[in-house]
Amino acid sequence: MLSFLPSPLLLIINLTVVSINSIIVATPIMLLAIVRLLLPFSFVQKTVDFLNLYLFKLWVAVNAVLFPLTNKLKIDREGIEIDDIKGSCLIFSNHLSWADIIMICHIYRGKIPVTKFFLKQSLIFIPFIGLACLGLGMPFLRRYSKAELLKNPKLATKDIETTKKACRSLVHTRSTLVNFCEGTRYTKDKALKAKSRYKHLMPPKAASIAVALGEIGYDLDCVYNTTLYYPENEGHAFIDLLKGRLTRVYVHIEKLKVDETLVGDYINDKKFKFDFSNALKQIWQEKDDRLDDYLNRLKTHNK
């Protein structure tokens, strides 16, 4: 364990290893993306997907060794055991920090196929990582302002089409789609501004997850509802992870039944849209209650 080292030194170590790891993995992924464009043949596409899978596994494996080595980390895991998934699956989660991506990859490592995250459009400009994520086929979504939508109503369907395209790729290529339903990281200020009715969460946005399930719900092996929390590193989990000061992660995993409650036409069926939105709000309320219960238990234990 290297967690005894000073934070500035651990920050340098983690940043250096993560940067080198990302460059080593991202460079061939970007080159393979060019090959995919130039040679749009089935055999080439499958070979590129196969190579990308192992490159991504390498990135996850290095992180899985690095961060437990530099952080004195305890994971409080609750819920079900994760199955070994042979086909494709979908994971949705609350969103607190950039550390969420690393934690989800770490928690599900070896159990699920390569993970593809719904990402903000702005993240495509992160050197190496942005283009590598694009090469891996991760969907980039952009949130439009009301003014932009009024000026150009067609923009409202752009993210929906991006979501559908990402979903169709899951049917043909074994992978895992990860959706942070809140659309933004939780902060107390954001929650107050959004008038969130939850203590620890932002309100969920139903559209992308509903469209994804409507498109390929019955083709998935499973849907996992994941709850994350950093009780001792609230608001700065990612930087604490890099500084070797991430101490505790709470994770709860629930497997959802894929049925008509989750699968339907969210865009054109008003009743399904209403029912799905309410079902998602209920799931989020259960997440919030679960976090409340965990924090109360933690507080009692620490007395």
C-alpha atoms as a PDB file:
ATOM      1  CA  MET A   1       0.000   0.000   0.000  1.00  0.00           C
ATOM      2  CA  LEU A   2       1.286   3.452  -0.937  1.00  0.00           C
ATOM      3  CA  SER A   3      -1.434   5.437   0.840  1.00  0.00           C
ATOM      4  CA  PHE A   4       1.030   6.448   3.580  1.00  0.00           C
ATOM      5  CA  LEU A   5       2.849   8.686   1.085  1.00  0.00           C
ATOM      6  CA  PRO A   6       2.139  12.458   1.061  1.00  0.00           C
ATOM      7  CA  SER A   7      -0.888  13.536  -1.006  1.00  0.00           C
ATOM      8  CA  PRO A   8       1.121  15.705  -3.459  1.00  0.00           C
ATOM      9  CA  LEU A   9       3.375  12.741  -4.277  1.00  0.00           C
ATOM     10  CA  LEU A  10       0.398  10.381  -4.698  1.00  0.00           C
ATOM     11  CA  LEU A  11      -1.262  12.957  -6.970  1.00  0.00           C
ATOM     12  CA  ILE A  12       1.832  12.975  -9.191  1.00  0.00           C
ATOM     13  CA  ILE A  13       2.037   9.152  -9.205  1.00  0.00           C
ATOM     14  CA  ASN A  14      -1.663   8.691 -10.027  1.00  0.00           C
ATOM     15  CA  LEU A  15      -1.750  11.393 -12.699  1.00  0.00           C
ATOM     16  CA  THR A  16       1.396  10.034 -14.336  1.00  0.00           C
ATOM     17  CA  VAL A  17       0.209   6.409 -14.405  1.00  0.00           C
ATOM     18  CA  VAL A  18      -3.336   7.335 -15.510  1.00  0.00           C
ATOM     19  CA  SER A  19      -1.988   9.594 -18.282  1.00  0.00           C
ATOM     20  CA  ILE A  20       0.464   6.974 -19.579  1.00  0.00           C
ATOM     21  CA  ASN A  21      -2.182   4.246 -19.349  1.00  0.00           C
ATOM     22  CA  SER A  22      -4.722   6.415 -21.198  1.00  0.00           C
ATOM     23  CA  ILE A  23      -2.274   7.357 -23.963  1.00  0.00           C
ATOM     24  CA  ILE A  24      -1.103   3.748 -24.445  1.00  0.00           C
ATOM     25  CA  VAL A  25      -4.702   2.497 -24.674  1.00  0.00           C
ATOM     26  CA  ALA A  26      -6.227   5.459 -26.527  1.00  0.00           C
ATOM     27  CA  THR A  27      -3.684   5.631 -29.360  1.00  0.00           C
ATOM     28  CA  PRO A  28      -4.445   2.199 -30.898  1.00  0.00           C
ATOM     29  CA  ILE A  29      -8.185   2.726 -30.315  1.00  0.00           C
ATOM     30  CA  MET A  30      -8.027   5.944 -32.373  1.00  0.00           C
ATOM     31  CA  LEU A  31      -6.022   4.198 -35.103  1.00  0.00           C
ATOM     32  CA  LEU A  32      -8.501   1.315 -35.141  1.00  0.00           C
ATOM     33  CA  ALA A  33     -11.341   3.839 -35.512  1.00  0.00           C
ATOM     34  CA  ILE A  34      -9.694   5.066 -38.731  1.00  0.00           C
ATOM     35  CA  VAL A  35      -9.367   1.460 -39.949  1.00  0.00           C
ATOM     36  CA  ARG A  36     -13.078   0.948 -39.194  1.00  0.00           C
ATOM     37  CA  LEU A  37     -13.985   3.987 -41.322  1.00  0.00           C
ATOM     38  CA  LEU A  38     -11.727   3.036 -44.231  1.00  0.00           C
ATOM     39  CA  LEU A  39     -12.665  -0.663 -44.273  1.00  0.00           C
ATOM     40  CA  PRO A  40     -16.397  -0.987 -43.487  1.00  0.00           C
ATOM     41  CA  PHE A  41     -16.458  -4.776 -43.844  1.00  0.00           C
ATOM     42  CA  SER A  42     -18.053  -7.120 -41.331  1.00  0.00           C
ATOM     43  CA  PHE A  43     -14.839  -9.035 -40.573  1.00  0.00           C
ATOM     44  CA  VAL A  44     -12.892  -5.805 -40.010  1.00  0.00           C
ATOM     45  CA  GLN A  45     -15.617  -4.374 -37.767  1.00  0.00           C
ATOM     46  CA  LYS A  46     -15.663  -7.525 -35.611  1.00  0.00           C
ATOM     47  CA  THR A  47     -11.864  -7.576 -35.368  1.00  0.00           C
ATOM     48  CA  VAL A  48     -11.787  -3.907 -34.318  1.00  0.00           C
ATOM     49  CA  ASP A  49     -14.484  -4.546 -31.692  1.00  0.00           C
ATOM     50  CA  PHE A  50     -12.506  -7.539 -30.371  1.00  0.00           C
ATOM     51  CA  LEU A  51      -9.281  -5.520 -30.086  1.00  0.00           C
ATOM     52  CA  ASN A  52     -11.082  -2.545 -28.523  1.00  0.00           C
ATOM     53  CA  LEU A  53     -12.554  -4.836 -25.889  1.00  0.00           C
ATOM     54  CA  TYR A  54      -9.109  -5.969 -24.736  1.00  0.00           C
ATOM     55  CA  LEU A  55      -7.635  -2.468 -24.895  1.00  0.00           C
ATOM     56  CA  PHE A  56     -10.431  -1.186 -22.669  1.00  0.00           C
ATOM     57  CA  LYS A  57      -9.934  -4.159 -20.315  1.00  0.00           C
ATOM     58  CA  LEU A  58      -6.259  -3.170 -20.061  1.00  0.00           C
ATOM     59  CA  TRP A  59      -7.209   0.401 -19.068  1.00  0.00           C
ATOM     60  CA  VAL A  60      -9.628  -0.890 -16.420  1.00  0.00           C
ATOM     61  CA  ALA A  61      -7.113  -3.462 -15.119  1.00  0.00           C
ATOM     62  CA  VAL A  62      -4.378  -0.861 -14.592  1.00  0.00           C
ATOM     63  CA  ASN A  63      -6.806   1.390 -12.697  1.00  0.00           C
ATOM     64  CA  ALA A  64      -7.985  -1.613 -10.649  1.00  0.00           C
ATOM     65  CA  VAL A  65      -4.400  -2.170  -9.470  1.00  0.00           C
ATOM     66  CA  LEU A  66      -3.391   1.487  -9.141  1.00  0.00           C
ATOM     67  CA  PHE A  67      -6.141   3.066  -7.060  1.00  0.00           C
ATOM     68  CA  PRO A  68      -6.429   0.413  -4.307  1.00  0.00           C
ATOM     69  CA  LEU A  69      -2.627   0.631  -4.093  1.00  0.00           C
ATOM     70  CA  THR A  70      -2.591   4.412  -3.585  1.00  0.00           C
ATOM     71  CA  ASN A  71      -5.837   4.736  -1.593  1.00  0.00           C
ATOM     72  CA  LYS A  72      -6.737   3.117   1.715  1.00  0.00           C
ATOM     73  CA  LEU A  73     -10.125   2.284   0.265  1.00  0.00           C
ATOM     74  CA  LYS A  74     -13.023   0.415   1.857  1.00  0.00           C
ATOM     75  CA  ILE A  75     -15.974  -0.554  -0.351  1.00  0.00           C
ATOM     76  CA  ASP A  76     -19.282  -1.057   1.468  1.00  0.00           C
ATOM     77  CA  ARG A  77     -21.125  -3.289  -0.988  1.00  0.00           C
ATOM     78  CA  GLU A  78     -24.807  -4.178  -0.631  1.00  0.00           C
ATOM     79  CA  GLY A  79     -27.485  -5.736  -2.811  1.00  0.00           C
ATOM     80  CA  ILE A  80     -27.109  -8.681  -5.162  1.00  0.00           C
ATOM     81  CA  GLU A  81     -24.051 -10.470  -6.487  1.00  0.00           C
ATOM     82  CA  ILE A  82     -23.259  -9.577 -10.094  1.00  0.00           C
ATOM     83  CA  ASP A  83     -23.853 -12.316 -12.675  1.00  0.00           C
ATOM     84  CA  ASP A  84     -21.324 -13.226 -15.360  1.00  0.00           C
ATOM     85  CA  ILE A  85     -22.990 -11.593 -18.362  1.00  0.00           C
ATOM     86  CA  LYS A  86     -22.610 -13.395 -21.683  1.00  0.00           C
ATOM     87  CA  GLY A  87     -24.550 -10.903 -23.816  1.00  0.00           C
ATOM     88  CA  SER A  88     -25.226  -7.169 -23.444  1.00  0.00           C
ATOM     89  CA  CYS A  89     -26.581  -5.297 -20.452  1.00  0.00           C
ATOM     90  CA  LEU A  90     -27.528  -1.824 -19.271  1.00  0.00           C
ATOM     91  CA  ILE A  91     -26.458  -0.102 -16.049  1.00  0.00           C
ATOM     92  CA  PHE A  92     -27.934   3.107 -14.718  1.00  0.00           C
ATOM     93  CA  SER A  93     -26.689   5.021 -11.711  1.00  0.00           C
ATOM     94  CA  ASN A  94     -26.781   8.266  -9.793  1.00  0.00           C
ATOM     95  CA  HIS A  95     -23.897  10.633 -10.574  1.00  0.00           C
ATOM     96  CA  LEU A  96     -21.649  12.280  -7.987  1.00  0.00           C
ATOM     97  CA  SER A  97     -18.164  12.561  -9.453  1.00  0.00           C
ATOM     98  CA  TRP A  98     -15.843  11.662 -12.320  1.00  0.00           C
ATOM     99  CA  ALA A  99     -14.752   8.905  -9.929  1.00  0.00           C
ATOM    100  CA  ASP A 100     -18.086   7.183 -10.696  1.00  0.00           C
ATOM    101  CA  ILE A 101     -16.780   5.981 -14.076  1.00  0.00           C
ATOM    102  CA  ILE A 102     -13.700   4.395 -12.509  1.00  0.00           C
ATOM    103  CA  MET A 103     -15.740   2.893  -9.663  1.00  0.00           C
ATOM    104  CA  ILE A 104     -18.357   1.327 -11.961  1.00  0.00           C
ATOM    105  CA  CYS A 105     -15.613  -0.186 -14.127  1.00  0.00           C
ATOM    106  CA  HIS A 106     -13.899  -1.495 -10.971  1.00  0.00           C
ATOM    107  CA  ILE A 107     -17.042  -2.879  -9.290  1.00  0.00           C
ATOM    108  CA  TYR A 108     -18.316  -4.679 -12.410  1.00  0.00           C
ATOM    109  CA  ARG A 109     -14.851  -5.683 -13.660  1.00  0.00           C
ATOM    110  CA  GLY A 110     -14.710  -9.190 -15.106  1.00  0.00           C
ATOM    111  CA  LYS A 111     -18.480  -9.652 -14.876  1.00  0.00           C
ATOM    112  CA  ILE A 112     -19.763  -7.565 -17.774  1.00  0.00           C
ATOM    113  CA  PRO A 113     -18.666  -6.758 -21.336  1.00  0.00           C
ATOM    114  CA  VAL A 114     -16.897  -3.506 -22.245  1.00  0.00           C
ATOM    115  CA  THR A 115     -18.688  -0.494 -20.760  1.00  0.00           C
ATOM    116  CA  LYS A 116     -19.941   2.383 -22.900  1.00  0.00           C
ATOM    117  CA  PHE A 117     -20.963   5.507 -21.009  1.00  0.00           C
ATOM    118  CA  PHE A 118     -23.409   8.188 -22.072  1.00  0.00           C
ATOM    119  CA  LEU A 119     -21.070  11.206 -22.073  1.00  0.00           C
ATOM    120  CA  LYS A 120     -21.456  14.969 -22.306  1.00  0.00           C
ATOM    121  CA  GLN A 121     -20.514  16.394 -25.704  1.00  0.00           C
ATOM    122  CA  SER A 122     -17.816  18.615 -24.130  1.00  0.00           C
ATOM    123  CA  LEU A 123     -15.844  15.550 -22.940  1.00  0.00           C
ATOM    124  CA  ILE A 124     -14.915  14.702 -26.528  1.00  0.00           C
ATOM    125  CA  PHE A 125     -12.286  17.472 -26.337  1.00  0.00           C
ATOM    126  CA  ILE A 126     -10.318  15.817 -23.496  1.00  0.00           C
ATOM    127  CA  PRO A 127      -6.977  14.847 -25.099  1.00  0.00           C
ATOM    128  CA  PHE A 128      -6.750  11.158 -26.073  1.00  0.00           C
ATOM    129  CA  ILE A 129      -9.637  10.080 -23.813  1.00  0.00           C
ATOM    130  CA  GLY A 130     -12.366  11.932 -25.741  1.00  0.00           C
ATOM    131  CA  LEU A 131     -11.418  10.527 -29.143  1.00  0.00           C
ATOM    132  CA  ALA A 132     -10.815   7.071 -27.661  1.00  0.00           C
ATOM    133  CA  CYS A 133     -14.342   7.073 -26.210  1.00  0.00           C
ATOM    134  CA  LEU A 134     -15.637   8.094 -29.635  1.00  0.00           C
ATOM    135  CA  GLY A 135     -13.643   5.246 -31.186  1.00  0.00           C
ATOM    136  CA  LEU A 136     -15.192   2.821 -28.689  1.00  0.00           C
ATOM    137  CA  GLY A 137     -18.644   3.909 -29.855  1.00  0.00           C
ATOM    138  CA  MET A 138     -19.674   5.732 -26.701  1.00  0.00           C
ATOM    139  CA  PRO A 139     -22.631   8.089 -27.266  1.00  0.00           C
ATOM    140  CA  PHE A 140     -21.991  11.803 -26.706  1.00  0.00           C
ATOM    141  CA  LEU A 141     -25.073  13.767 -25.668  1.00  0.00           C
ATOM    142  CA  ARG A 142     -25.505  17.520 -25.639  1.00  0.00           C
ATOM    143  CA  ARG A 143     -27.972  19.367 -23.408  1.00  0.00           C
ATOM    144  CA  TYR A 144     -29.635  22.200 -25.300  1.00  0.00           C
ATOM    145  CA  SER A 145     -31.000  25.344 -23.673  1.00  0.00           C
ATOM    146  CA  LYS A 146     -34.657  26.323 -24.060  1.00  0.00           C
ATOM    147  CA  ALA A 147     -33.571  29.204 -26.298  1.00  0.00           C
ATOM    148  CA  GLU A 148     -31.668  26.830 -28.615  1.00  0.00           C
ATOM    149  CA  LEU A 149     -34.641  24.451 -28.792  1.00  0.00           C
ATOM    150  CA  LEU A 150     -37.048  27.280 -29.586  1.00  0.00           C
ATOM    151  CA  LYS A 151     -34.744  28.462 -32.354  1.00  0.00           C
ATOM    152  CA  ASN A 152     -34.265  24.946 -33.767  1.00  0.00           C
ATOM    153  CA  PRO A 153     -36.866  22.377 -32.523  1.00  0.00           C
ATOM    154  CA  LYS A 154     -35.110  19.572 -34.448  1.00  0.00           C
ATOM    155  CA  LEU A 155     -32.339  19.633 -31.839  1.00  0.00           C
ATOM    156  CA  ALA A 156     -34.781  18.044 -29.362  1.00  0.00           C
ATOM    157  CA  THR A 157     -34.558  14.717 -31.216  1.00  0.00           C
ATOM    158  CA  LYS A 158     -30.791  14.763 -31.784  1.00  0.00           C
ATOM    159  CA  ASP A 159     -29.883  13.080 -28.469  1.00  0.00           C
ATOM    160  CA  ILE A 160     -32.686  10.568 -28.989  1.00  0.00           C
ATOM    161  CA  GLU A 161     -31.215   9.500 -32.334  1.00  0.00           C
ATOM    162  CA  THR A 162     -27.738   9.280 -30.758  1.00  0.00           C
ATOM    163  CA  THR A 163     -29.188   7.066 -28.007  1.00  0.00           C
ATOM    164  CA  LYS A 164     -30.939   4.799 -30.520  1.00  0.00           C
ATOM    165  CA  LYS A 165     -27.745   4.406 -32.545  1.00  0.00           C
ATOM    166  CA  ALA A 166     -25.754   3.442 -29.422  1.00  0.00           C
ATOM    167  CA  CYS A 167     -28.446   0.942 -28.457  1.00  0.00           C
ATOM    168  CA  ARG A 168     -28.514  -0.714 -31.859  1.00  0.00           C
ATOM    169  CA  SER A 169     -24.767  -1.335 -31.574  1.00  0.00           C
ATOM    170  CA  LEU A 170     -25.396  -3.333 -28.366  1.00  0.00           C
ATOM    171  CA  VAL A 171     -27.542  -5.797 -30.285  1.00  0.00           C
ATOM    172  CA  HIS A 172     -24.704  -6.528 -32.733  1.00  0.00           C
ATOM    173  CA  THR A 173     -21.699  -6.101 -30.413  1.00  0.00           C
ATOM    174  CA  ARG A 174     -21.540  -7.513 -26.892  1.00  0.00           C
ATOM    175  CA  SER A 175     -21.185  -4.504 -24.568  1.00  0.00           C
ATOM    176  CA  THR A 176     -22.630  -2.627 -21.591  1.00  0.00           C
ATOM    177  CA  LEU A 177     -24.314   0.764 -21.836  1.00  0.00           C
ATOM    178  CA  VAL A 178     -24.016   2.947 -18.718  1.00  0.00           C
ATOM    179  CA  ASN A 179     -26.406   5.844 -18.152  1.00  0.00           C
ATOM    180  CA  PHE A 180     -26.184   8.484 -15.425  1.00  0.00           C
ATOM    181  CA  CYS A 181     -29.880   9.348 -15.438  1.00  0.00           C
ATOM    182  CA  GLU A 182     -29.519  12.674 -13.624  1.00  0.00           C
ATOM    183  CA  GLY A 183     -27.549  14.119 -16.537  1.00  0.00           C
ATOM    184  CA  THR A 184     -25.186  16.021 -14.241  1.00  0.00           C
ATOM    185  CA  ARG A 185     -23.117  15.490 -11.109  1.00  0.00           C
ATOM    186  CA  TYR A 186     -24.904  16.050  -7.798  1.00  0.00           C
ATOM    187  CA  THR A 187     -24.008  19.106  -5.728  1.00  0.00           C
ATOM    188  CA  LYS A 188     -26.075  20.769  -3.030  1.00  0.00           C
ATOM    189  CA  ASP A 189     -26.258  23.970  -5.093  1.00  0.00           C
ATOM    190  CA  LYS A 190     -27.454  22.116  -8.208  1.00  0.00           C
ATOM    191  CA  ALA A 191     -30.025  20.168  -6.179  1.00  0.00           C
ATOM    192  CA  LEU A 192     -31.346  23.396  -4.659  1.00  0.00           C
ATOM    193  CA  LYS A 193     -31.553  25.079  -8.062  1.00  0.00           C
ATOM    194  CA  ALA A 194     -33.333  22.038  -9.558  1.00  0.00           C
ATOM    195  CA  LYS A 195     -35.710  21.937  -6.551  1.00  0.00           C
ATOM    196  CA  SER A 196     -34.830  18.279  -6.029  1.00  0.00           C
ATOM    197  CA  ARG A 197     -37.183  16.433  -3.713  1.00  0.00           C
ATOM    198  CA  TYR A 198     -34.365  14.043  -2.777  1.00  0.00           C
ATOM    199  CA  LYS A 199     -31.838  14.539   0.020  1.00  0.00           C
ATOM    200  CA  HIS A 200     -28.818  13.057  -1.748  1.00  0.00           C
ATOM    201  CA  LEU A 201     -29.723  12.956  -5.441  1.00  0.00           C
ATOM    202  CA  MET A 202     -30.561  15.108  -8.436  1.00  0.00           C
ATOM    203  CA  PRO A 203     -33.937  14.486 -10.123  1.00  0.00           C
ATOM    204  CA  PRO A 204     -33.605  11.744 -12.782  1.00  0.00           C
ATOM    205  CA  LYS A 205     -34.179  12.510 -16.466  1.00  0.00           C
ATOM    206  CA  ALA A 206     -36.174   9.738 -18.059  1.00  0.00           C
ATOM    207  CA  ALA A 207     -35.748  10.303 -21.803  1.00  0.00           C
ATOM    208  CA  SER A 208     -32.403   8.653 -22.632  1.00  0.00           C
ATOM    209  CA  ILE A 209     -32.839   5.605 -20.390  1.00  0.00           C
ATOM    210  CA  ALA A 210     -36.463   5.142 -21.539  1.00  0.00           C
ATOM    211  CA  VAL A 211     -35.496   5.367 -25.218  1.00  0.00           C
ATOM    212  CA  ALA A 212     -32.635   2.906 -24.635  1.00  0.00           C
ATOM    213  CA  LEU A 213     -34.907   0.367 -22.957  1.00  0.00           C
ATOM    214  CA  GLY A 214     -37.631   0.879 -25.556  1.00  0.00           C
ATOM    215  CA  GLU A 215     -35.144   0.257 -28.330  1.00  0.00           C
ATOM    216  CA  ILE A 216     -33.405  -2.886 -27.032  1.00  0.00           C
ATOM    217  CA  GLY A 217     -34.901  -3.744 -23.614  1.00  0.00           C
ATOM    218  CA  TYR A 218     -35.893  -7.301 -24.512  1.00  0.00           C
ATOM    219  CA  ASP A 219     -32.523  -7.948 -26.209  1.00  0.00           C
ATOM    220  CA  LEU A 220     -30.594  -7.284 -22.984  1.00  0.00           C
ATOM    221  CA  ASP A 221     -29.400  -9.987 -20.618  1.00  0.00           C
ATOM    222  CA  CYS A 222     -30.063  -7.721 -17.641  1.00  0.00           C
ATOM    223  CA  VAL A 223     -30.539  -4.196 -16.296  1.00  0.00           C
ATOM    224  CA  TYR A 224     -28.637  -3.164 -13.166  1.00  0.00           C
ATOM    225  CA  ASN A 225     -29.644  -0.249 -10.953  1.00  0.00           C
ATOM    226  CA  THR A 226     -26.493   1.001  -9.196  1.00  0.00           C
ATOM    227  CA  THR A 227     -26.297   3.423  -6.269  1.00  0.00           C
ATOM    228  CA  LEU A 228     -22.971   5.106  -5.437  1.00  0.00           C
ATOM    229  CA  TYR A 229     -21.899   7.333  -2.556  1.00  0.00           C
ATOM    230  CA  TYR A 230     -18.667   8.655  -1.047  1.00  0.00           C
ATOM    231  CA  PRO A 231     -19.595   9.319   2.608  1.00  0.00           C
ATOM    232  CA  GLU A 232     -16.152  10.555   3.660  1.00  0.00           C
ATOM    233  CA  ASN A 233     -15.268  12.417   0.449  1.00  0.00           C
ATOM    234  CA  GLU A 234     -18.463  14.276  -0.470  1.00  0.00           C
ATOM    235  CA  GLY A 235     -18.049  16.802  -3.267  1.00  0.00           C
ATOM    236  CA  HIS A 236     -14.405  16.018  -4.054  1.00  0.00           C
ATOM    237  CA  ALA A 237     -14.204  12.245  -4.564  1.00  0.00           C
ATOM    238  CA  PHE A 238     -12.263  12.354  -7.852  1.00  0.00           C
ATOM    239  CA  ILE A 239      -9.498  14.676  -6.694  1.00  0.00           C
ATOM    240  CA  ASP A 240      -9.288  12.702  -3.434  1.00  0.00           C
ATOM    241  CA  LEU A 241      -8.945   9.509  -5.496  1.00  0.00           C
ATOM    242  CA  LEU A 242      -5.979  11.034  -7.324  1.00  0.00           C
ATOM    243  CA  LYS A 243      -4.475  12.330  -4.059  1.00  0.00           C
ATOM    244  CA  GLY A 244      -4.757   8.906  -2.417  1.00  0.00           C
ATOM    245  CA  ARG A 245      -7.339  10.143   0.054  1.00  0.00           C
ATOM    246  CA  LEU A 246     -10.485   8.322  -1.090  1.00  0.00           C
ATOM    247  CA  THR A 247     -11.368   6.241   1.962  1.00  0.00           C
ATOM    248  CA  ARG A 248     -14.865   4.822   1.578  1.00  0.00           C
ATOM    249  CA  VAL A 249     -17.271   3.988  -1.248  1.00  0.00           C
ATOM    250  CA  TYR A 250     -20.837   2.774  -0.816  1.00  0.00           C
ATOM    251  CA  VAL A 251     -22.324   0.727  -3.641  1.00  0.00           C
ATOM    252  CA  HIS A 252     -25.694  -0.973  -3.871  1.00  0.00           C
ATOM    253  CA  ILE A 253     -26.613  -3.141  -6.855  1.00  0.00           C
ATOM    254  CA  GLU A 254     -30.139  -4.178  -7.799  1.00  0.00           C
ATOM    255  CA  LYS A 255     -31.179  -6.263 -10.793  1.00  0.00           C
ATOM    256  CA  LEU A 256     -34.383  -5.033 -12.424  1.00  0.00           C
ATOM    257  CA  LYS A 257     -36.903  -7.189 -14.213  1.00  0.00           C
ATOM    258  CA  VAL A 258     -37.245  -6.186 -17.867  1.00  0.00           C
ATOM    259  CA  ASP A 259     -40.980  -6.069 -18.606  1.00  0.00           C
ATOM    260  CA  GLU A 260     -43.674  -3.732 -19.952  1.00  0.00           C
ATOM    261  CA  THR A 261     -43.054  -1.346 -17.033  1.00  0.00           C
ATOM    262  CA  LEU A 262     -39.622  -0.529 -18.487  1.00  0.00           C
ATOM    263  CA  VAL A 263     -40.064  -1.243 -22.192  1.00  0.00           C
ATOM    264  CA  GLY A 264     -42.347   0.875 -24.357  1.00  0.00           C
ATOM    265  CA  ASP A 265     -42.615   3.822 -26.736  1.00  0.00           C
ATOM    266  CA  TYR A 266     -41.562   6.763 -24.571  1.00  0.00           C
ATOM    267  CA  ILE A 267     -41.704   9.245 -27.454  1.00  0.00           C
ATOM    268  CA  ASN A 268     -45.184   8.523 -28.837  1.00  0.00           C
ATOM    269  CA  ASP A 269     -47.093   6.787 -26.019  1.00  0.00           C
ATOM    270  CA  LYS A 270     -48.147   9.437 -23.486  1.00  0.00           C
ATOM    271  CA  LYS A 271     -49.415   6.913 -20.940  1.00  0.00           C
ATOM    272  CA  PHE A 272     -46.179   4.926 -21.033  1.00  0.00           C
ATOM    273  CA  LYS A 273     -44.164   8.152 -20.762  1.00  0.00           C
ATOM    274  CA  PHE A 274     -46.130   9.149 -17.649  1.00  0.00           C
ATOM    275  CA  ASP A 275     -45.876   5.669 -16.083  1.00  0.00           C
ATOM    276  CA  PHE A 276     -42.168   5.295 -16.851  1.00  0.00           C
ATOM    277  CA  SER A 277     -41.335   8.727 -15.436  1.00  0.00           C
ATOM    278  CA  ASN A 278     -43.190   7.862 -12.226  1.00  0.00           C
ATOM    279  CA  ALA A 279     -41.490   4.455 -12.014  1.00  0.00           C
ATOM    280  CA  LEU A 280     -38.066   6.099 -12.384  1.00  0.00           C
ATOM    281  CA  LYS A 281     -38.928   8.676  -9.715  1.00  0.00           C
ATOM    282  CA  GLN A 282     -39.911   5.823  -7.408  1.00  0.00           C
ATOM    283  CA  ILE A 283     -36.591   4.068  -8.077  1.00  0.00           C
ATOM    284  CA  TRP A 284     -34.810   7.322  -7.237  1.00  0.00           C
ATOM    285  CA  GLN A 285     -36.832   7.708  -4.037  1.00  0.00           C
ATOM    286  CA  GLU A 286     -35.768   4.201  -3.019  1.00  0.00           C
ATOM    287  CA  LYS A 287     -32.144   5.137  -3.775  1.00  0.00           C
ATOM    288  CA  ASP A 288     -32.476   8.228  -1.608  1.00  0.00           C
ATOM    289  CA  ASP A 289     -34.044   6.262   1.258  1.00  0.00           C
ATOM    290  CA  ARG A 290     -31.325   3.622   0.925  1.00  0.00           C
ATOM    291  CA  LEU A 291     -28.606   6.269   1.191  1.00  0.00           C
ATOM    292  CA  ASP A 292     -30.346   7.810   4.196  1.00  0.00           C
ATOM    293  CA  ASP A 293     -30.456   4.424   5.908  1.00  0.00           C
ATOM    294  CA  TYR A 294     -26.785   3.727   5.107  1.00  0.00           C
ATOM    295  CA  LEU A 295     -25.619   7.106   6.411  1.00  0.00           C
ATOM    296  CA  ASN A 296     -27.631   6.668   9.615  1.00  0.00           C
ATOM    297  CA  ARG A 297     -26.095   3.220  10.142  1.00  0.00           C
ATOM    298  CA  LEU A 298     -22.642   4.630   9.471  1.00  0.00           C
ATOM    299  CA  LYS A 299     -23.225   7.470  11.927  1.00  0.00           C
ATOM    300  CA  THR A 300     -24.379   5.022  14.618  1.00  0.00           C
ATOM    301  CA  HIS A 301     -21.399   2.735  13.983  1.00  0.00           C
ATOM    302  CA  ASN A 302     -18.917   5.628  14.251  1.00  0.00           C
ATOM    303  CA  LYS A 303     -20.245   6.876  17.597  1.00  0.00           C
END
